[in-house]
C-alpha atoms as a PDB file:
ATOM      1  CA  MET A   1      33.567 -35.165 -19.625  1.00  0.00           C
ATOM      2  CA  LYS A   2      30.325 -36.804 -17.728  1.00  0.00           C
ATOM      3  CA  ARG A   3      32.618 -36.145 -14.612  1.00  0.00           C
ATOM      4  CA  ILE A   4      32.634 -32.348 -15.247  1.00  0.00           C
ATOM      5  CA  GLY A   5      28.954 -32.348 -16.088  1.00  0.00           C
ATOM      6  CA  ILE A   6      27.946 -34.080 -12.677  1.00  0.00           C
ATOM      7  CA  ILE A   7      30.467 -31.743 -10.771  1.00  0.00           C
ATOM      8  CA  LEU A   8      29.020 -28.761 -12.591  1.00  0.00           C
ATOM      9  CA  LEU A   9      25.399 -29.929 -11.518  1.00  0.00           C
ATOM     10  CA  ILE A  10      26.176 -30.658  -7.934  1.00  0.00           C
ATOM     11  CA  ILE A  11      27.880 -27.026  -7.591  1.00  0.00           C
ATOM     12  CA  PHE A  12      24.857 -25.605  -9.289  1.00  0.00           C
ATOM     13  CA  SER A  13      22.464 -27.448  -7.001  1.00  0.00           C
ATOM     14  CA  GLY A  14      24.254 -26.428  -4.067  1.00  0.00           C
ATOM     15  CA  CYS A  15      24.499 -22.758  -5.209  1.00  0.00           C
ATOM     16  CA  LEU A  16      20.626 -22.967  -5.664  1.00  0.00           C
ATOM     17  CA  THR A  17      19.859 -24.313  -2.152  1.00  0.00           C
ATOM     18  CA  GLY A  18      22.495 -21.920  -0.581  1.00  0.00           C
ATOM     19  CA  CYS A  19      20.480 -19.061  -1.944  1.00  0.00           C
ATOM     20  CA  LEU A  20      17.196 -19.803  -0.654  1.00  0.00           C
ATOM     21  CA  ASN A  21      15.927 -17.204   1.877  1.00  0.00           C
ATOM     22  CA  ASP A  22      15.038 -18.212   5.172  1.00  0.00           C
ATOM     23  CA  ASP A  23      12.445 -16.251   6.886  1.00  0.00           C
ATOM     24  CA  ASP A  24      13.313 -17.511  10.311  1.00  0.00           C
ATOM     25  CA  GLY A  25       9.933 -18.458  11.243  1.00  0.00           C
ATOM     26  CA  ILE A  26       8.575 -14.699  10.974  1.00  0.00           C
ATOM     27  CA  ILE A  27       4.836 -14.932   9.813  1.00  0.00           C
ATOM     28  CA  PHE A  28       3.459 -11.872   8.238  1.00  0.00           C
ATOM     29  CA  SER A  29       0.696 -10.555   6.127  1.00  0.00           C
ATOM     30  CA  TYR A  30      -0.892  -7.302   4.488  1.00  0.00           C
ATOM     31  CA  GLU A  31      -3.928  -5.674   5.705  1.00  0.00           C
ATOM     32  CA  ARG A  32      -5.878  -2.927   4.088  1.00  0.00           C
ATOM     33  CA  ILE A  33      -6.242   0.137   6.661  1.00  0.00           C
ATOM     34  CA  PRO A  34      -9.396   2.338   6.292  1.00  0.00           C
ATOM     35  CA  ILE A  35      -8.531   5.758   5.459  1.00  0.00           C
ATOM     36  CA  GLU A  36      -9.992   8.525   8.045  1.00  0.00           C
ATOM     37  CA  GLN A  37      -8.983  11.813   6.623  1.00  0.00           C
ATOM     38  CA  VAL A  38      -7.583  13.089   3.434  1.00  0.00           C
ATOM     39  CA  ASP A  39      -5.644  16.378   2.802  1.00  0.00           C
ATOM     40  CA  ILE A  40      -6.012  17.165  -0.760  1.00  0.00           C
ATOM     41  CA  PRO A  41      -5.923  20.534  -2.814  1.00  0.00           C
ATOM     42  CA  GLY A  42      -9.388  21.948  -4.207  1.00  0.00           C
ATOM     43  CA  GLN A  43      -7.856  22.267  -7.610  1.00  0.00           C
ATOM     44  CA  PHE A  44      -4.808  20.851  -9.795  1.00  0.00           C
ATOM     45  CA  THR A  45      -2.970  22.625 -12.235  1.00  0.00           C
ATOM     46  CA  ARG A  46      -2.125  20.306 -15.566  1.00  0.00           C
ATOM     47  CA  GLY A  47       1.617  19.189 -15.393  1.00  0.00           C
ATOM     48  CA  GLU A  48       2.047  19.804 -11.802  1.00  0.00           C
ATOM     49  CA  THR A  49       2.770  17.305  -8.966  1.00  0.00           C
ATOM     50  CA  TYR A  50       1.048  17.246  -5.777  1.00  0.00           C
ATOM     51  CA  LYS A  51       1.344  15.832  -2.331  1.00  0.00           C
ATOM     52  CA  ILE A  52      -1.767  14.048  -0.998  1.00  0.00           C
ATOM     53  CA  THR A  53      -1.824  13.165   2.499  1.00  0.00           C
ATOM     54  CA  VAL A  54      -4.134  10.412   4.079  1.00  0.00           C
ATOM     55  CA  PHE A  55      -4.486   9.927   7.682  1.00  0.00           C
ATOM     56  CA  TYR A  56      -5.220   6.456   9.455  1.00  0.00           C
ATOM     57  CA  PHE A  57      -5.487   4.571  12.590  1.00  0.00           C
ATOM     58  CA  ARG A  58      -2.690   1.916  13.244  1.00  0.00           C
ATOM     59  CA  PRO A  59      -4.602  -1.041  14.885  1.00  0.00           C
ATOM     60  CA  SER A  60      -1.761  -2.534  16.793  1.00  0.00           C
ATOM     61  CA  ASP A  61       1.617  -2.191  17.399  1.00  0.00           C
ATOM     62  CA  CYS A  62       2.369  -5.084  14.851  1.00  0.00           C
ATOM     63  CA  HIS A  63       1.050  -3.182  12.012  1.00  0.00           C
ATOM     64  CA  SER A  64       3.456  -0.893  10.262  1.00  0.00           C
ATOM     65  CA  PHE A  65       3.055   1.285   6.953  1.00  0.00           C
ATOM     66  CA  SER A  66       3.777  -0.795   3.904  1.00  0.00           C
ATOM     67  CA  GLY A  67       2.632   1.228   0.946  1.00  0.00           C
ATOM     68  CA  PHE A  68      -0.655   2.156  -0.938  1.00  0.00           C
ATOM     69  CA  ASP A  69      -2.780   0.007  -3.000  1.00  0.00           C
ATOM     70  CA  TYR A  70      -3.468   2.276  -5.984  1.00  0.00           C
ATOM     71  CA  ASP A  71      -5.574   1.636  -8.835  1.00  0.00           C
ATOM     72  CA  ARG A  72      -6.237   3.912 -11.883  1.00  0.00           C
ATOM     73  CA  LEU A  73      -9.216   3.643 -14.258  1.00  0.00           C
ATOM     74  CA  SER A  74      -9.571   6.762 -16.612  1.00  0.00           C
ATOM     75  CA  ASN A  75      -9.602   9.601 -14.491  1.00  0.00           C
ATOM     76  CA  GLU A  76     -10.369   7.779 -11.463  1.00  0.00           C
ATOM     77  CA  ARG A  77      -8.334   6.859  -8.631  1.00  0.00           C
ATOM     78  CA  THR A  78      -8.562   4.302  -5.957  1.00  0.00           C
ATOM     79  CA  VAL A  79      -6.334   4.375  -2.894  1.00  0.00           C
ATOM     80  CA  SER A  80      -6.223   2.374   0.163  1.00  0.00           C
ATOM     81  CA  VAL A  81      -3.186   2.275   2.898  1.00  0.00           C
ATOM     82  CA  LEU A  82      -1.592  -1.098   3.088  1.00  0.00           C
ATOM     83  CA  ASN A  83       0.318  -2.306   6.368  1.00  0.00           C
ATOM     84  CA  VAL A  84       2.202  -5.214   6.963  1.00  0.00           C
ATOM     85  CA  VAL A  85       1.204  -7.200   9.909  1.00  0.00           C
ATOM     86  CA  VAL A  86       3.956  -9.219  11.773  1.00  0.00           C
ATOM     87  CA  GLN A  87       2.361 -12.119  13.741  1.00  0.00           C
ATOM     88  CA  ASP A  88       5.438 -13.575  15.498  1.00  0.00           C
ATOM     89  CA  ARG A  89       4.540 -12.058  19.036  1.00  0.00           C
ATOM     90  CA  MET A  90       1.554 -10.843  21.125  1.00  0.00           C
ATOM     91  CA  CYS A  91       0.402  -7.706  19.681  1.00  0.00           C
ATOM     92  CA  GLU A  92      -0.983  -4.771  21.521  1.00  0.00           C
ATOM     93  CA  ASP A  93      -4.028  -3.154  20.237  1.00  0.00           C
ATOM     94  CA  LEU A  94      -3.474   0.758  19.889  1.00  0.00           C
ATOM     95  CA  GLU A  95      -6.256   3.418  20.887  1.00  0.00           C
ATOM     96  CA  GLU A  96      -7.998   5.309  18.221  1.00  0.00           C
ATOM     97  CA  THR A  97      -6.521   8.425  19.189  1.00  0.00           C
ATOM     98  CA  ASP A  98      -3.458   9.277  17.269  1.00  0.00           C
ATOM     99  CA  LEU A  99      -3.854   9.246  13.210  1.00  0.00           C
ATOM    100  CA  ILE A 100      -0.856   8.417  11.304  1.00  0.00           C
ATOM    101  CA  ASP A 101      -0.503  10.274   8.395  1.00  0.00           C
ATOM    102  CA  THR A 102       1.250   9.211   5.161  1.00  0.00           C
ATOM    103  CA  SER A 103       1.592  10.987   1.530  1.00  0.00           C
ATOM    104  CA  ILE A 104       1.751   9.983  -1.893  1.00  0.00           C
ATOM    105  CA  ASN A 105       2.736  12.345  -4.773  1.00  0.00           C
ATOM    106  CA  PHE A 106       0.210  12.758  -7.748  1.00  0.00           C
ATOM    107  CA  PHE A 107       1.338  13.905 -11.048  1.00  0.00           C
ATOM    108  CA  VAL A 108      -1.654  15.822 -12.837  1.00  0.00           C
ATOM    109  CA  GLY A 109      -1.832  14.475 -16.507  1.00  0.00           C
ATOM    110  CA  SER A 110      -4.132  15.412 -19.428  1.00  0.00           C
ATOM    111  CA  GLU A 111      -7.660  14.836 -17.575  1.00  0.00           C
ATOM    112  CA  ASP A 112     -10.214  17.462 -17.070  1.00  0.00           C
ATOM    113  CA  SER A 113     -10.771  16.457 -13.384  1.00  0.00           C
ATOM    114  CA  TYR A 114      -9.902  13.457 -11.188  1.00  0.00           C
ATOM    115  CA  ILE A 115     -12.226  11.330  -9.012  1.00  0.00           C
ATOM    116  CA  PHE A 116     -10.133  10.021  -5.955  1.00  0.00           C
ATOM    117  CA  ARG A 117     -11.845   7.093  -4.126  1.00  0.00           C
ATOM    118  CA  PHE A 118     -10.254   6.748  -0.530  1.00  0.00           C
ATOM    119  CA  TRP A 119     -10.935   3.219   0.894  1.00  0.00           C
ATOM    120  CA  GLN A 120     -12.611   3.631   4.298  1.00  0.00           C
ATOM    121  CA  GLY A 121     -13.393  -0.049   5.198  1.00  0.00           C
ATOM    122  CA  VAL A 122     -16.293  -2.457   4.726  1.00  0.00           C
ATOM    123  CA  ASN A 123     -19.771  -1.528   5.641  1.00  0.00           C
ATOM    124  CA  ASP A 124     -22.378  -3.795   7.414  1.00  0.00           C
ATOM    125  CA  GLN A 125     -23.793  -5.276   3.886  1.00  0.00           C
ATOM    126  CA  GLY A 126     -19.904  -6.433   3.112  1.00  0.00           C
ATOM    127  CA  GLU A 127     -19.653  -3.731   0.344  1.00  0.00           C
ATOM    128  CA  ASN A 128     -16.544  -1.158   0.390  1.00  0.00           C
ATOM    129  CA  ASP A 129     -17.031   2.169   1.557  1.00  0.00           C
ATOM    130  CA  PHE A 130     -15.203   5.139  -0.220  1.00  0.00           C
ATOM    131  CA  LEU A 131     -14.447   8.812   0.582  1.00  0.00           C
ATOM    132  CA  ILE A 132     -15.105  10.185  -2.994  1.00  0.00           C
ATOM    133  CA  ILE A 133     -13.629  13.333  -3.716  1.00  0.00           C
ATOM    134  CA  GLU A 134     -13.495  15.234  -7.121  1.00  0.00           C
ATOM    135  CA  VAL A 135     -10.741  17.622  -7.940  1.00  0.00           C
ATOM    136  CA  PRO A 136     -10.913  19.754 -11.139  1.00  0.00           C
ATOM    137  CA  VAL A 137      -7.798  20.453 -13.406  1.00  0.00           C
ATOM    138  CA  VAL A 138      -7.057  24.086 -14.223  1.00  0.00           C
ATOM    139  CA  GLU A 139      -4.497  25.183 -16.917  1.00  0.00           C
END
């Protein structure tokens, strides 16, 4: 019986180490990217879903869109763009001439208005700057 237990333990250990994901030495990180512009409706209708489009500059060819950092507190929504930055090669800085756009779908719930805070970077005092837009909700 002990032999079966030892054999099962060896097989189980082999399975665990065989399933480990080797990242092939690729180093990456996530970085918040400042939002430059926003396309958002002037008002919402309760129960509807709206597309909100944000525009940002991609700093280098090593940056790629990864998603949104999205926080909600009562009727306030804080939104920032996240990029994954691959650091396994020489990155080429990109000109700030072409805005990248990406969208998020927003469902309007029971609030009377929504306050959106779109992250625009850090100011000289080290504080976060936001583009703040309040959107009223109509029936």
